[in-house]
Amino acid sequence: MASTGGPVFPAPLPGRVASTGPVFPVLMPGAGTDVASTPVFPAPLPGRAVSTGPVPPVPLPGGARSPEAVWPALLPGRSPSTGPVFPPLVPGKVHRWGGAALVLVRRADLDRVASRSPLLTPAEREVLDGLPARRRAEWVAGRVLAKELVAGVTGERAGGVEILPRADGSPRLSVPGLRISLSHTAAHVAAAVAPGPVGVDVCETSSAPAVLRAADHVLHPGERRLAGTDPERLAAAWALKEAAVKAVRRGLAGEAPRRVRILGLAPPLLDGGHRALVRTAGTAVVALVLAPPTAGTR
C-alpha cells in the first residue's frame, strides 16, 4: 500500500462515534447476496448500554411458565420421550429375528382356539391330565401357539408336531434341528423357535413391584441401575434374565440368573455371546434370547 501523509483511519471528531456503521457491509440474514446499507447490530453510543430495557422473556411451548414444565426430570434410564422404551410387537404376527421366529398373542384370543383344538397328541394329553387344574389352560394355550408357529416355519402339519417336557421341565420339540421356548402370563402367551438354544419370556409391566422385591436375587447392582424404577424397563430386565436361563435350560433358582449379565437395556445387550431382543405389546414386555450354539446341551 502506498504511504500517505496522514493515518489510514483518521481519528473521530470530538464526541463523535468513530463510525456511523461497520467498516465492511453486512449481509442481512436470509437476504441472499444483497448488501445491507446499515449493520444488523449497530454499535452502541458511547456510555450507553446495549439495551435500554430488560430482555423480553422467550415464550415457552404450550404457555408453560418454566422450563421444568416443558422438560420434566427424567426417570432413571428413561428417554425424554413419553412413548414406550422398546419397539412394539404386533400380537398374532410372526416376528423373525436372528434366525429365530417369535410370536405373542393375547390369552383371550388364543384360549378360544385352544379350547377347541384337536392338536394335542396322546402323549401330550397324558401330560396335561397330570397337571393341576389351574395350570391346564395356560399349558394348552402355549402348546397350541407353539405348534402353529412350528407349522408356519417348517411346513409341518401342526397336529403332527409334538412338544413334551424334558426331565428338567424344558420343552422338547419333535421336529429335528429346531429348539423351542414358551412363556405365558395371565394375559399373554409367547412362543419362539430357532435352530440353536433359544429362550423367550413375557413379563407384564404390572409385575414391576414384584421384580423390585426379587431384584436383589436376580439382578446385579449395575443391572438395577439400568432398570431404575420404570415399569417397562423393570419388566424387560426380568424377561431378559428369565429368557437367558431358559436358553441354557436353567432356572431362576440359585446363581443361574446372575451368570448372564445385562450390559444394556435399550437396546438390550447381554454378555457371554448371548443375543437379545426386547419388544412390547400392550401391557406385556417380551424378551427373546439366543444363546451360543454350545449352550443348553445338557
Protein backbone atom coordinates (compact mmCIF):
# COMPACT_ATOMS: atom_id res chain seq x y z
CA MET A 1 0.00 0.00 0.00
CA ALA A 2 1.27 3.48 -0.85
CA SER A 3 2.30 5.68 2.07
CA THR A 4 0.30 8.85 2.81
CA GLY A 5 0.90 11.79 4.99
CA GLY A 6 -1.95 11.00 7.37
CA PRO A 7 -3.27 7.99 9.25
CA VAL A 8 -5.01 5.27 7.37
CA PHE A 9 -8.05 5.57 9.68
CA PRO A 10 -8.47 9.18 10.77
CA ALA A 11 -9.40 9.85 14.41
CA PRO A 12 -13.09 10.60 15.07
CA LEU A 13 -14.20 14.14 15.74
CA PRO A 14 -14.56 15.01 19.44
CA GLY A 15 -17.74 13.47 20.87
CA ARG A 16 -18.43 11.68 17.63
CA VAL A 17 -18.67 7.93 17.23
CA ALA A 18 -15.79 6.55 15.25
CA SER A 19 -18.05 5.16 12.58
CA THR A 20 -21.70 5.51 11.67
CA GLY A 21 -21.71 1.92 10.58
CA PRO A 22 -19.47 -1.10 10.15
CA VAL A 23 -16.24 -0.88 8.18
CA PHE A 24 -17.48 -3.60 5.82
CA PRO A 25 -21.02 -4.10 4.58
CA VAL A 26 -23.09 -6.74 6.39
CA LEU A 27 -25.34 -9.27 4.74
CA MET A 28 -28.87 -9.26 6.08
CA PRO A 29 -29.81 -12.72 7.31
CA GLY A 30 -31.76 -14.63 4.68
CA ALA A 31 -31.27 -11.88 2.12
CA GLY A 32 -29.01 -13.82 -0.23
CA THR A 33 -26.16 -11.65 -1.56
CA ASP A 34 -27.90 -8.28 -1.20
CA VAL A 35 -25.75 -5.89 0.77
CA ALA A 36 -27.40 -4.06 3.67
CA SER A 37 -26.77 -0.36 3.99
CA THR A 38 -26.86 -0.48 7.81
CA PRO A 39 -25.47 -3.02 10.24
CA VAL A 40 -27.70 -5.68 11.74
CA PHE A 41 -26.31 -4.94 15.21
CA PRO A 42 -25.15 -1.28 15.28
CA ALA A 43 -22.51 -0.24 17.80
CA PRO A 44 -23.91 1.38 20.96
CA LEU A 45 -23.43 5.08 21.53
CA PRO A 46 -20.55 5.98 23.91
CA GLY A 47 -21.57 5.40 27.54
CA ARG A 48 -24.87 3.82 26.56
CA ALA A 49 -25.84 0.27 27.42
CA VAL A 50 -26.52 -2.07 24.59
CA SER A 51 -30.11 -2.48 25.74
CA THR A 52 -32.34 0.22 27.15
CA GLY A 53 -34.52 -2.29 29.00
CA PRO A 54 -34.78 -5.85 30.16
CA VAL A 55 -34.62 -8.62 27.60
CA PRO A 56 -38.19 -9.75 26.94
CA PRO A 57 -38.83 -13.35 28.03
CA VAL A 58 -38.96 -16.03 25.36
CA PRO A 59 -42.40 -17.68 25.27
CA LEU A 60 -42.28 -21.38 26.17
CA PRO A 61 -44.23 -24.05 24.29
CA GLY A 62 -47.81 -24.55 25.36
CA GLY A 63 -47.84 -21.49 27.58
CA ALA A 64 -45.61 -23.14 30.19
CA ARG A 65 -44.23 -20.83 32.88
CA SER A 66 -40.95 -22.62 33.49
CA PRO A 67 -38.54 -24.83 31.52
CA GLU A 68 -39.19 -27.64 34.02
CA ALA A 69 -42.81 -27.72 32.85
CA VAL A 70 -41.63 -28.30 29.29
CA TRP A 71 -38.73 -30.69 30.01
CA PRO A 72 -39.61 -32.64 33.17
CA ALA A 73 -36.97 -34.50 35.12
CA LEU A 74 -36.21 -37.87 33.55
CA LEU A 75 -36.92 -41.15 35.27
CA PRO A 76 -33.77 -43.25 35.79
CA GLY A 77 -32.69 -44.54 32.40
CA ARG A 78 -35.77 -43.14 30.70
CA SER A 79 -35.62 -41.20 27.45
CA PRO A 80 -37.28 -37.77 27.16
CA SER A 81 -39.97 -39.38 25.02
CA THR A 82 -43.30 -40.18 26.60
CA GLY A 83 -43.60 -43.17 24.33
CA PRO A 84 -42.53 -46.74 25.08
CA VAL A 85 -38.88 -47.55 25.78
CA PHE A 86 -38.91 -50.55 23.43
CA PRO A 87 -40.32 -51.00 19.92
CA PRO A 88 -43.79 -52.56 19.61
CA LEU A 89 -44.59 -56.10 18.53
CA VAL A 90 -47.89 -56.76 16.74
CA PRO A 91 -49.77 -59.55 18.58
CA GLY A 92 -50.52 -62.57 16.43
CA LYS A 93 -47.86 -61.75 13.82
CA VAL A 94 -44.71 -63.85 13.48
CA HIS A 95 -41.59 -61.75 14.02
CA ARG A 96 -38.34 -63.11 12.57
CA TRP A 97 -35.03 -62.06 14.08
CA GLY A 98 -31.55 -63.57 14.14
CA GLY A 99 -32.72 -66.84 12.60
CA ALA A 100 -35.49 -67.22 15.19
CA ALA A 101 -39.25 -66.86 14.85
CA LEU A 102 -41.26 -65.24 17.65
CA VAL A 103 -44.99 -64.81 18.15
CA LEU A 104 -47.01 -63.35 21.01
CA VAL A 105 -50.79 -63.44 21.36
CA ARG A 106 -53.38 -62.36 23.89
CA ARG A 107 -54.60 -65.22 26.06
CA ALA A 108 -58.23 -64.27 25.46
CA ASP A 109 -57.75 -64.72 21.71
CA LEU A 110 -55.84 -68.00 22.00
CA ASP A 111 -57.91 -69.67 24.69
CA ARG A 112 -60.93 -69.72 22.37
CA VAL A 113 -58.89 -71.59 19.76
CA ALA A 114 -57.13 -73.87 22.24
CA SER A 115 -60.38 -74.98 23.85
CA ARG A 116 -61.49 -76.45 20.50
CA SER A 117 -58.09 -77.64 19.37
CA PRO A 118 -57.51 -81.27 18.40
CA LEU A 119 -53.78 -80.57 18.13
CA LEU A 120 -52.59 -82.35 21.29
CA THR A 121 -51.07 -85.79 20.79
CA PRO A 122 -51.92 -88.69 23.12
CA ALA A 123 -48.61 -88.23 24.95
CA GLU A 124 -49.30 -84.52 25.41
CA ARG A 125 -52.79 -85.23 26.73
CA GLU A 126 -51.27 -87.59 29.25
CA VAL A 127 -49.00 -84.80 30.48
CA LEU A 128 -51.97 -82.41 30.57
CA ASP A 129 -54.00 -84.82 32.70
CA GLY A 130 -51.25 -84.86 35.30
CA LEU A 131 -51.16 -81.06 35.72
CA PRO A 132 -53.05 -79.11 38.39
CA ALA A 133 -56.35 -77.73 37.08
CA ARG A 134 -55.14 -74.13 37.43
CA ARG A 135 -52.24 -74.78 35.02
CA ARG A 136 -54.03 -76.69 32.28
CA ALA A 137 -55.43 -73.78 30.27
CA GLU A 138 -52.10 -71.96 30.01
CA TRP A 139 -50.26 -75.20 29.22
CA VAL A 140 -52.62 -75.99 26.33
CA ALA A 141 -52.52 -72.39 25.09
CA GLY A 142 -48.72 -72.43 24.95
CA ARG A 143 -48.58 -75.75 23.09
CA VAL A 144 -51.22 -74.75 20.55
CA LEU A 145 -49.41 -71.49 19.80
CA ALA A 146 -46.04 -73.23 19.52
CA LYS A 147 -47.40 -75.92 17.19
CA GLU A 148 -48.96 -73.33 14.89
CA LEU A 149 -45.67 -71.39 14.87
CA VAL A 150 -43.62 -74.50 14.03
CA ALA A 151 -46.08 -75.43 11.29
CA GLY A 152 -45.79 -71.97 9.76
CA VAL A 153 -41.98 -72.06 9.87
CA THR A 154 -41.39 -75.63 8.67
CA GLY A 155 -44.49 -76.55 6.68
CA GLU A 156 -45.16 -79.46 9.04
CA ARG A 157 -48.75 -80.29 9.94
CA ALA A 158 -49.50 -78.66 13.32
CA GLY A 159 -51.20 -81.80 14.59
CA GLY A 160 -48.06 -83.79 13.87
CA VAL A 161 -45.81 -81.54 15.93
CA GLU A 162 -45.24 -82.81 19.47
CA ILE A 163 -43.86 -80.84 22.42
CA LEU A 164 -43.09 -82.84 25.55
CA PRO A 165 -41.22 -81.86 28.71
CA ARG A 166 -37.67 -82.99 29.37
CA ALA A 167 -36.63 -84.20 32.80
CA ASP A 168 -35.62 -80.62 33.71
CA GLY A 169 -39.03 -79.29 32.62
CA SER A 170 -37.84 -77.55 29.45
CA PRO A 171 -39.86 -78.27 26.28
CA ARG A 172 -38.53 -80.72 23.71
CA LEU A 173 -39.69 -80.32 20.10
CA SER A 174 -40.23 -83.37 17.90
CA VAL A 175 -39.02 -81.55 14.76
CA PRO A 176 -35.27 -82.19 14.22
CA GLY A 177 -32.96 -79.19 14.06
CA LEU A 178 -35.21 -76.78 15.98
CA ARG A 179 -35.37 -75.66 19.61
CA ILE A 180 -38.44 -74.14 21.21
CA SER A 181 -39.27 -71.92 24.16
CA LEU A 182 -42.62 -70.93 25.69
CA SER A 183 -43.87 -68.30 28.12
CA HIS A 184 -47.23 -67.18 29.42
CA THR A 185 -48.79 -64.69 31.80
CA ALA A 186 -52.42 -64.23 32.77
CA ALA A 187 -52.86 -62.00 29.69
CA HIS A 188 -50.36 -63.15 27.04
CA VAL A 189 -48.66 -66.24 25.59
CA ALA A 190 -45.40 -66.26 23.60
CA ALA A 191 -43.51 -68.92 21.67
CA ALA A 192 -40.16 -68.86 19.89
CA VAL A 193 -38.31 -71.36 17.71
CA ALA A 194 -34.71 -71.26 16.49
CA PRO A 195 -32.03 -73.63 15.15
CA GLY A 196 -29.99 -73.15 18.34
CA PRO A 197 -30.57 -72.51 22.05
CA VAL A 198 -33.45 -70.05 22.46
CA GLY A 199 -35.36 -68.57 25.36
CA VAL A 200 -38.45 -66.37 25.44
CA ASP A 201 -40.18 -64.73 28.37
CA VAL A 202 -43.15 -62.41 28.84
CA CYS A 203 -43.42 -60.07 31.80
CA GLU A 204 -46.33 -57.72 32.43
CA THR A 205 -45.50 -54.13 33.42
CA SER A 206 -47.89 -54.60 36.35
CA SER A 207 -45.32 -57.05 37.75
CA ALA A 208 -42.75 -54.27 38.29
CA PRO A 209 -43.29 -54.17 42.10
CA ALA A 210 -42.65 -57.93 42.27
CA VAL A 211 -39.49 -57.51 40.18
CA LEU A 212 -38.25 -54.87 42.63
CA ARG A 213 -38.82 -57.23 45.54
CA ALA A 214 -36.83 -60.01 43.82
CA ALA A 215 -34.19 -57.70 42.35
CA ASP A 216 -31.51 -58.49 44.96
CA HIS A 217 -31.59 -62.16 43.97
CA VAL A 218 -31.88 -61.79 40.20
CA LEU A 219 -30.14 -58.51 39.30
CA HIS A 220 -26.62 -57.20 39.89
CA PRO A 221 -26.35 -53.64 41.28
CA GLY A 222 -25.42 -52.33 37.84
CA GLU A 223 -28.44 -54.03 36.30
CA ARG A 224 -30.70 -52.49 38.94
CA ARG A 225 -29.37 -49.06 37.98
CA LEU A 226 -30.13 -49.81 34.32
CA ALA A 227 -33.70 -50.79 35.14
CA GLY A 228 -34.33 -47.90 37.55
CA THR A 229 -37.95 -47.69 38.66
CA ASP A 230 -39.63 -47.53 35.26
CA PRO A 231 -42.14 -50.44 34.99
CA GLU A 232 -41.30 -51.18 31.36
CA ARG A 233 -37.57 -51.36 32.00
CA LEU A 234 -38.05 -53.47 35.13
CA ALA A 235 -40.23 -55.90 33.19
CA ALA A 236 -37.61 -56.02 30.42
CA ALA A 237 -34.80 -56.77 32.88
CA TRP A 238 -36.77 -59.65 34.39
CA ALA A 239 -37.82 -61.03 30.99
CA LEU A 240 -34.23 -60.89 29.71
CA LYS A 241 -32.95 -62.79 32.74
CA GLU A 242 -35.61 -65.48 32.52
CA ALA A 243 -35.25 -65.84 28.73
CA ALA A 244 -31.48 -66.19 29.15
CA VAL A 245 -31.72 -69.00 31.71
CA LYS A 246 -34.36 -70.75 29.58
CA ALA A 247 -32.00 -70.64 26.59
CA VAL A 248 -29.36 -72.55 28.59
CA ARG A 249 -32.02 -74.76 30.25
CA ARG A 250 -31.51 -73.44 33.73
CA GLY A 251 -33.96 -71.93 36.21
CA LEU A 252 -34.21 -68.73 38.20
CA ALA A 253 -33.25 -70.56 41.39
CA GLY A 254 -29.65 -70.42 42.56
CA GLU A 255 -26.94 -68.42 40.79
CA ALA A 256 -28.10 -69.01 37.20
CA PRO A 257 -29.72 -65.57 36.71
CA ARG A 258 -26.52 -63.80 37.79
CA ARG A 259 -24.34 -65.76 35.38
CA VAL A 260 -25.71 -63.77 32.44
CA ARG A 261 -25.09 -60.04 32.80
CA ILE A 262 -27.28 -57.33 31.28
CA LEU A 263 -24.93 -54.69 29.89
CA GLY A 264 -27.64 -52.56 28.26
CA LEU A 265 -31.42 -52.44 28.12
CA ALA A 266 -32.44 -50.18 25.25
CA PRO A 267 -31.23 -51.74 23.04
CA PRO A 268 -30.65 -54.94 25.05
CA LEU A 269 -27.07 -56.16 25.35
CA LEU A 270 -26.00 -59.32 27.21
CA ASP A 271 -22.58 -60.75 27.88
CA GLY A 272 -21.28 -64.24 27.07
CA GLY A 273 -22.16 -64.16 23.39
CA HIS A 274 -25.92 -64.01 24.03
CA ARG A 275 -28.04 -62.03 21.58
CA ALA A 276 -31.23 -60.40 22.77
CA LEU A 277 -34.36 -58.68 21.52
CA VAL A 278 -36.98 -56.82 23.60
CA ARG A 279 -40.40 -55.74 22.32
CA THR A 280 -43.66 -54.56 23.87
CA ALA A 281 -47.29 -55.41 23.16
CA GLY A 282 -49.80 -53.52 25.24
CA THR A 283 -49.06 -54.28 28.89
CA ALA A 284 -46.57 -57.04 28.04
CA VAL A 285 -42.80 -56.89 27.58
CA VAL A 286 -41.37 -59.87 25.71
CA ALA A 287 -37.68 -60.82 25.58
CA LEU A 288 -36.05 -63.22 23.14
CA VAL A 289 -32.54 -64.52 23.88
CA LEU A 290 -30.36 -66.60 21.57
CA ALA A 291 -27.53 -68.35 23.40
CA PRO A 292 -24.26 -69.57 21.84
CA PRO A 293 -24.62 -72.90 19.98
CA THR A 294 -22.89 -74.88 22.73
CA ALA A 295 -25.27 -73.68 25.46
CA GLY A 296 -28.28 -75.64 26.66
CA THR A 297 -27.00 -79.04 25.54
CA ARG A 298 -27.09 -80.84 28.89
